[in-house]
């Protein structure tokens, strides 16, 4: 579905911003980079978001606070999804829009840029957490045993246990609320994002030093235990140990020095996604940012500064849209395979 006449209009919902499509075929939850995601993502990423909206997607811009505790922020994002879900159905019903796509969480996809990709990675990694609290504790302990002390491990276990139990209750609440709107419940397949497609744009899984300069200050913060949590090593271990990331697309940029190491790590480490889901495009780390003015797009922090709509879409948005559609075709098959993998690794040791 492509409609260039549709206007992208965001409305505040809970802590987020939502652009409701009148006939959605799905939902894209977008998590931007650190600075631009906090200060006006609907402006800085305007052309990308408009292109996705015209393809038939309702767009949700999910915020996050500047924090070194990414566990907490990932939990906030998951809670926020369930705050927004019933509002999508209610708003669509009031506006006379179609809401069928909102009744199955497999119609929800994720796109992240830069640090936003780390949050998506955490949410997908958390999908591998066992339901049984004892097994969950063992999984987390295996994950962190080589990088954290006992007090840090216990703190993470407590935070995640609280989050999991809270989300279980929230799902029941959401199902009941939506049932009161439409007479049937939503299909929620996991308390996290199991079976949902994700695309990582220039992913940056970095350490405290990437946010704090000079290096010695970052070292002091880390030594005090106030640094980035989880660390890059812990995040990468979670990605590897989860056995997931089967329906993920990766887009990297040839002149990007910020996400270069993370992109290389994904390519070397993951057997999946297949090569056709890995794109290397021209441009730098901030290529996803852009604003349309008439027949041109202003690339705010990339070269060329100005290019035609056709050139911009051909060089970037076309690949993102194509990747999203191809990943959606893979989703049912890979989701089933993931369930088998999770069961086999859930009690294994961290390597």
Protein backbone atom coordinates (compact mmCIF):
# COMPACT_ATOMS: atom_id res chain seq x y z
CA UNK A 1 0.00 0.00 0.00
CA UNK A 2 1.64 3.26 -1.11
CA UNK A 3 -0.14 6.57 -0.70
CA UNK A 4 1.97 9.69 -1.08
CA UNK A 5 -0.99 11.91 -0.14
CA UNK A 6 -1.15 10.69 3.44
CA UNK A 7 0.00 13.27 5.97
CA UNK A 8 2.27 12.14 8.79
CA UNK A 9 0.75 13.60 11.94
CA UNK A 10 1.98 12.56 15.37
CA UNK A 11 -0.13 12.68 18.51
CA UNK A 12 1.15 12.19 22.06
CA UNK A 13 0.14 8.86 23.59
CA UNK A 14 1.46 8.00 27.06
CA UNK A 15 5.15 9.06 26.85
CA UNK A 16 5.39 8.44 23.10
CA UNK A 17 4.24 9.83 19.77
CA UNK A 18 1.91 7.98 17.41
CA UNK A 19 1.04 8.55 13.73
CA UNK A 20 -2.09 6.49 13.11
CA UNK A 21 -2.51 5.04 9.61
CA UNK A 22 -6.14 4.77 8.43
CA UNK A 23 -5.60 1.28 6.93
CA UNK A 24 -2.52 -0.14 8.63
CA UNK A 25 -0.93 -3.39 7.60
CA UNK A 26 1.30 -3.22 10.63
CA UNK A 27 3.01 -1.07 13.25
CA UNK A 28 6.59 0.17 13.28
CA UNK A 29 8.03 1.04 16.67
CA UNK A 30 10.97 3.37 16.09
CA UNK A 31 13.75 4.00 18.62
CA UNK A 32 16.13 6.72 17.51
CA UNK A 33 19.71 7.57 18.46
CA UNK A 34 20.63 9.13 21.79
CA UNK A 35 20.56 12.88 21.05
CA UNK A 36 18.14 12.99 18.12
CA UNK A 37 15.81 10.48 19.75
CA UNK A 38 15.44 12.72 22.76
CA UNK A 39 15.08 16.03 20.93
CA UNK A 40 12.52 15.77 18.15
CA UNK A 41 12.80 12.41 16.35
CA UNK A 42 9.63 13.24 14.39
CA UNK A 43 11.57 16.16 12.88
CA UNK A 44 15.08 14.76 12.42
CA UNK A 45 13.94 11.43 10.95
CA UNK A 46 10.99 12.93 9.09
CA UNK A 47 11.65 11.62 5.60
CA UNK A 48 12.33 8.05 6.72
CA UNK A 49 9.21 8.01 8.88
CA UNK A 50 7.06 9.51 6.10
CA UNK A 51 8.31 6.85 3.67
CA UNK A 52 7.39 4.05 6.09
CA UNK A 53 4.01 5.63 6.82
CA UNK A 54 3.20 5.78 3.11
CA UNK A 55 3.87 2.05 2.89
CA UNK A 56 0.95 1.40 5.21
CA UNK A 57 2.40 1.42 8.73
CA UNK A 58 1.27 3.12 11.87
CA UNK A 59 4.39 4.71 13.40
CA UNK A 60 5.22 4.81 17.11
CA UNK A 61 8.16 6.94 18.26
CA UNK A 62 9.39 5.52 21.55
CA UNK A 63 11.47 7.84 23.75
CA UNK A 64 14.14 6.98 26.26
CA UNK A 65 15.94 8.99 28.90
CA UNK A 66 19.66 9.64 28.91
CA UNK A 67 20.84 7.00 31.32
CA UNK A 68 23.70 4.55 31.75
CA UNK A 69 21.31 1.89 33.10
CA UNK A 70 19.95 0.50 29.86
CA UNK A 71 18.23 -2.36 31.69
CA UNK A 72 15.88 0.16 33.27
CA UNK A 73 15.22 2.01 30.02
CA UNK A 74 14.57 -1.25 28.13
CA UNK A 75 12.02 -2.12 30.81
CA UNK A 76 10.41 1.28 30.39
CA UNK A 77 10.12 0.73 26.61
CA UNK A 78 8.44 -2.63 27.13
CA UNK A 79 5.97 -1.17 29.61
CA UNK A 80 5.32 1.69 27.20
CA UNK A 81 4.38 -0.73 24.41
CA UNK A 82 1.54 -2.10 26.53
CA UNK A 83 0.41 1.38 27.54
CA UNK A 84 0.10 2.33 23.86
CA UNK A 85 -1.45 -0.88 22.52
CA UNK A 86 -5.04 -0.39 23.75
CA UNK A 87 -4.85 3.29 22.79
CA UNK A 88 -4.14 2.32 19.17
CA UNK A 89 -7.33 0.27 19.07
CA UNK A 90 -9.39 2.94 20.84
CA UNK A 91 -8.09 5.81 18.69
CA UNK A 92 -8.60 3.86 15.47
CA UNK A 93 -12.12 2.89 16.49
CA UNK A 94 -13.05 6.50 17.31
CA UNK A 95 -11.54 7.77 14.04
CA UNK A 96 -13.25 5.09 11.94
CA UNK A 97 -9.88 3.56 10.98
CA UNK A 98 -9.10 -0.12 10.55
CA UNK A 99 -7.63 -1.66 13.71
CA UNK A 100 -7.30 -5.34 12.73
CA UNK A 101 -3.49 -5.17 12.52
CA UNK A 102 -3.31 -4.13 16.19
CA UNK A 103 -4.93 -7.35 17.41
CA UNK A 104 -1.89 -9.56 16.78
CA UNK A 105 1.52 -8.51 18.10
CA UNK A 106 3.29 -10.26 15.21
CA UNK A 107 2.16 -7.30 13.10
CA UNK A 108 4.44 -5.09 15.20
CA UNK A 109 7.99 -4.42 13.97
CA UNK A 110 10.98 -2.52 15.36
CA UNK A 111 13.42 -0.16 13.69
CA UNK A 112 16.25 1.41 15.63
CA UNK A 113 19.11 3.76 14.89
CA UNK A 114 22.44 3.93 16.71
CA UNK A 115 21.90 3.50 20.49
CA UNK A 116 18.24 2.71 19.81
CA UNK A 117 19.43 -0.58 18.31
CA UNK A 118 20.91 -1.60 21.66
CA UNK A 119 17.49 -1.29 23.29
CA UNK A 120 15.90 -3.42 20.58
CA UNK A 121 18.67 -5.98 21.04
CA UNK A 122 18.00 -6.10 24.79
CA UNK A 123 14.27 -6.57 24.26
CA UNK A 124 14.87 -9.41 21.84
CA UNK A 125 17.49 -10.97 24.09
CA UNK A 126 15.09 -10.82 27.05
CA UNK A 127 12.64 -12.90 24.98
CA UNK A 128 14.90 -15.88 25.74
CA UNK A 129 14.36 -15.54 29.50
CA UNK A 130 12.72 -18.68 30.96
CA UNK A 131 9.28 -18.46 32.54
CA UNK A 132 10.42 -20.33 35.64
CA UNK A 133 12.05 -17.88 38.12
CA UNK A 134 14.80 -20.35 39.09
CA UNK A 135 15.71 -21.03 35.46
CA UNK A 136 15.58 -17.29 34.77
CA UNK A 137 17.99 -16.63 37.61
CA UNK A 138 20.41 -19.27 36.29
CA UNK A 139 20.23 -17.78 32.77
CA UNK A 140 21.07 -14.28 34.03
CA UNK A 141 23.80 -15.55 36.35
CA UNK A 142 25.46 -17.46 33.50
CA UNK A 143 25.25 -14.35 31.36
CA UNK A 144 26.85 -11.98 33.86
CA UNK A 145 29.17 -14.24 35.86
CA UNK A 146 32.33 -13.23 33.97
CA UNK A 147 31.68 -9.48 33.94
CA UNK A 148 29.78 -8.50 37.12
CA UNK A 149 30.16 -9.02 40.85
CA UNK A 150 27.55 -10.79 42.98
CA UNK A 151 25.74 -7.63 44.10
CA UNK A 152 25.37 -6.43 40.50
CA UNK A 153 24.09 -9.84 39.40
CA UNK A 154 21.53 -9.92 42.21
CA UNK A 155 20.41 -6.40 41.33
CA UNK A 156 19.84 -7.32 37.67
CA UNK A 157 18.00 -10.51 38.63
CA UNK A 158 15.71 -8.53 40.94
CA UNK A 159 15.02 -5.84 38.30
CA UNK A 160 14.23 -8.35 35.57
CA UNK A 161 12.05 -10.51 37.83
CA UNK A 162 9.99 -7.46 38.79
CA UNK A 163 9.68 -6.47 35.13
CA UNK A 164 8.61 -9.94 33.99
CA UNK A 165 5.94 -10.30 36.66
CA UNK A 166 4.68 -6.78 36.02
CA UNK A 167 4.40 -7.40 32.28
CA UNK A 168 2.48 -10.64 32.82
CA UNK A 169 -0.15 -8.70 34.77
CA UNK A 170 -0.11 -5.89 32.20
CA UNK A 171 -0.81 -8.28 29.34
CA UNK A 172 -3.97 -9.52 31.05
CA UNK A 173 -5.05 -5.93 31.67
CA UNK A 174 -4.42 -4.98 28.02
CA UNK A 175 -6.29 -8.00 26.69
CA UNK A 176 -9.30 -7.25 28.87
CA UNK A 177 -9.31 -3.57 27.90
CA UNK A 178 -9.10 -4.27 24.17
CA UNK A 179 -11.80 -6.93 24.53
CA UNK A 180 -14.07 -4.24 25.97
CA UNK A 181 -13.45 -2.16 22.82
CA UNK A 182 -13.79 -4.79 20.08
CA UNK A 183 -15.24 -7.90 21.72
CA UNK A 184 -12.11 -10.06 21.34
CA UNK A 185 -8.61 -10.23 22.74
CA UNK A 186 -5.32 -9.36 21.14
CA UNK A 187 -2.85 -12.15 20.36
CA UNK A 188 0.20 -11.55 22.51
CA UNK A 189 2.86 -14.17 21.82
CA UNK A 190 5.46 -13.14 24.39
CA UNK A 191 5.97 -10.66 27.19
CA UNK A 192 8.84 -9.30 25.09
CA UNK A 193 9.21 -9.20 21.29
CA UNK A 194 9.23 -12.82 20.17
CA UNK A 195 8.24 -13.21 16.51
CA UNK A 196 8.53 -9.50 15.78
CA UNK A 197 10.73 -8.27 12.91
CA UNK A 198 13.52 -5.81 13.71
CA UNK A 199 15.86 -3.68 11.59
CA UNK A 200 19.01 -2.17 13.09
CA UNK A 201 20.29 0.97 11.35
CA UNK A 202 23.97 1.68 12.16
CA UNK A 203 23.79 -0.12 15.54
CA UNK A 204 26.04 1.27 18.26
CA UNK A 205 26.67 -0.99 21.24
CA UNK A 206 29.29 1.14 22.92
CA UNK A 207 30.71 1.72 26.39
CA UNK A 208 30.76 4.58 28.89
CA UNK A 209 33.67 6.25 27.11
CA UNK A 210 31.53 6.85 24.03
CA UNK A 211 29.32 9.20 26.06
CA UNK A 212 31.84 10.63 28.53
CA UNK A 213 35.05 12.43 27.62
CA UNK A 214 37.92 12.37 28.45
CA UNK A 215 38.69 8.67 28.92
CA UNK A 216 39.86 8.98 32.53
CA UNK A 217 36.44 10.31 33.60
CA UNK A 218 34.73 7.35 31.95
CA UNK A 219 37.16 5.03 33.75
CA UNK A 220 36.33 6.63 37.10
CA UNK A 221 32.58 6.25 36.46
CA UNK A 222 33.07 2.58 35.49
CA UNK A 223 35.22 1.91 38.56
CA UNK A 224 32.52 3.37 40.79
CA UNK A 225 30.00 1.01 39.24
CA UNK A 226 28.05 3.83 37.61
CA UNK A 227 28.95 3.05 34.01
CA UNK A 228 26.92 1.63 31.14
CA UNK A 229 24.81 -1.39 32.08
CA UNK A 230 24.81 -3.85 30.49
CA UNK A 231 28.32 -3.41 29.19
CA UNK A 232 29.03 -4.00 25.49
CA UNK A 233 30.42 -7.44 26.37
CA UNK A 234 27.31 -8.38 28.36
CA UNK A 235 25.02 -7.14 25.60
CA UNK A 236 26.88 -9.15 22.99
CA UNK A 237 26.79 -12.24 25.22
CA UNK A 238 23.02 -11.85 25.54
CA UNK A 239 22.66 -11.59 21.77
CA UNK A 240 24.78 -14.71 21.24
CA UNK A 241 23.27 -16.77 24.07
CA UNK A 242 19.65 -15.97 23.24
CA UNK A 243 19.68 -18.05 20.05
CA UNK A 244 17.36 -15.46 18.52
CA UNK A 245 17.83 -12.62 16.02
CA UNK A 246 16.55 -14.81 13.19
CA UNK A 247 14.27 -12.16 11.71
CA UNK A 248 16.59 -9.19 12.03
CA UNK A 249 17.90 -6.95 9.27
CA UNK A 250 21.15 -5.01 9.56
CA UNK A 251 21.89 -1.78 7.67
CA UNK A 252 25.41 -0.34 7.92
CA UNK A 253 27.00 2.65 6.22
CA UNK A 254 30.35 2.67 4.46
CA UNK A 255 31.60 5.97 5.96
CA UNK A 256 30.32 5.26 9.48
CA UNK A 257 33.11 5.16 12.04
CA UNK A 258 30.78 5.19 15.08
CA UNK A 259 28.95 1.93 14.38
CA UNK A 260 31.75 0.30 12.40
CA UNK A 261 32.93 -2.07 15.14
CA UNK A 262 29.40 -3.10 16.12
CA UNK A 263 28.50 -3.80 12.49
CA UNK A 264 31.64 -5.89 12.07
CA UNK A 265 30.82 -7.82 15.23
CA UNK A 266 27.29 -8.63 14.02
CA UNK A 267 28.61 -9.80 10.66
CA UNK A 268 31.30 -12.04 12.18
CA UNK A 269 29.34 -13.41 15.13
CA UNK A 270 25.82 -14.16 13.98
CA UNK A 271 25.19 -17.02 11.58
CA UNK A 272 21.88 -15.30 11.05
CA UNK A 273 20.48 -13.19 9.51
CA UNK A 274 21.27 -14.48 6.00
CA UNK A 275 23.47 -12.30 3.81
CA UNK A 276 20.47 -10.92 1.92
CA UNK A 277 19.36 -9.26 5.17
CA UNK A 278 22.67 -7.43 5.59
CA UNK A 279 22.97 -4.13 3.71
CA UNK A 280 26.03 -1.91 3.35
CA UNK A 281 25.03 1.46 1.94
CA UNK A 282 26.77 4.72 1.09
CA UNK A 283 26.74 7.40 3.75
CA UNK A 284 27.75 8.05 7.33
CA UNK A 285 26.33 7.28 10.75
CA UNK A 286 23.63 9.96 10.51
CA UNK A 287 22.35 8.98 7.06
CA UNK A 288 18.88 8.01 8.46
CA UNK A 289 18.25 11.66 9.39
CA UNK A 290 16.58 13.78 6.73
CA UNK A 291 13.80 16.29 6.07
CA UNK A 292 11.86 16.66 2.82
CA UNK A 293 11.41 20.13 1.33
CA UNK A 294 9.32 19.91 -1.82
CA UNK A 295 11.06 17.61 -4.30
CA UNK A 296 14.28 17.50 -2.30
CA UNK A 297 15.54 15.93 0.91
CA UNK A 298 17.91 17.79 3.23
CA UNK A 299 20.44 15.31 4.62
CA UNK A 300 21.03 17.18 7.86
CA UNK A 301 24.40 15.69 8.76
CA UNK A 302 25.41 13.69 5.71
CA UNK A 303 26.56 14.17 2.13
CA UNK A 304 25.24 15.33 -0.21
CA UNK A 305 23.48 17.99 1.82
CA UNK A 306 20.64 18.19 -0.70
CA UNK A 307 19.42 15.46 -3.04
CA UNK A 308 16.22 14.71 -4.91
CA UNK A 309 13.51 12.59 -3.29
CA UNK A 310 14.15 9.87 -5.89
CA UNK A 311 17.90 9.78 -5.23
CA UNK A 312 17.48 9.72 -1.47
CA UNK A 313 14.89 6.94 -1.55
CA UNK A 314 16.93 4.93 -4.04
CA UNK A 315 20.02 5.18 -1.82
CA UNK A 316 18.41 4.42 1.56
CA UNK A 317 14.66 4.19 2.19
CA UNK A 318 14.13 1.74 -0.68
CA UNK A 319 16.44 -0.76 1.04
CA UNK A 320 14.79 -0.35 4.44
CA UNK A 321 11.31 -0.88 3.00
CA UNK A 322 12.45 -3.87 0.93
CA UNK A 323 14.23 -5.37 3.93
CA UNK A 324 11.15 -4.98 6.10
CA UNK A 325 8.92 -6.78 3.58
CA UNK A 326 11.39 -9.63 3.10
CA UNK A 327 11.80 -10.12 6.85
CA UNK A 328 8.03 -10.25 7.33
CA UNK A 329 7.87 -13.15 4.90
CA UNK A 330 10.42 -15.00 7.03
CA UNK A 331 8.74 -14.24 10.36
CA UNK A 332 6.37 -17.24 10.87
CA UNK A 333 8.98 -19.85 9.90
CA UNK A 334 11.85 -18.34 11.88
CA UNK A 335 9.70 -17.73 14.94
CA UNK A 336 8.93 -21.44 15.17
CA UNK A 337 12.62 -22.32 14.80
CA UNK A 338 13.52 -19.81 17.54
CA UNK A 339 11.22 -21.51 20.05
CA UNK A 340 13.11 -24.78 19.61
CA UNK A 341 16.49 -23.06 19.93
CA UNK A 342 15.51 -21.22 23.11
CA UNK A 343 14.44 -24.46 24.81
CA UNK A 344 17.76 -26.08 23.97
CA UNK A 345 20.02 -23.28 25.26
CA UNK A 346 18.03 -21.91 28.18
CA UNK A 347 19.87 -23.93 30.87
CA UNK A 348 23.25 -23.99 29.15
CA UNK A 349 26.36 -22.32 30.45
CA UNK A 350 27.64 -19.01 29.13
CA UNK A 351 30.64 -19.51 26.86
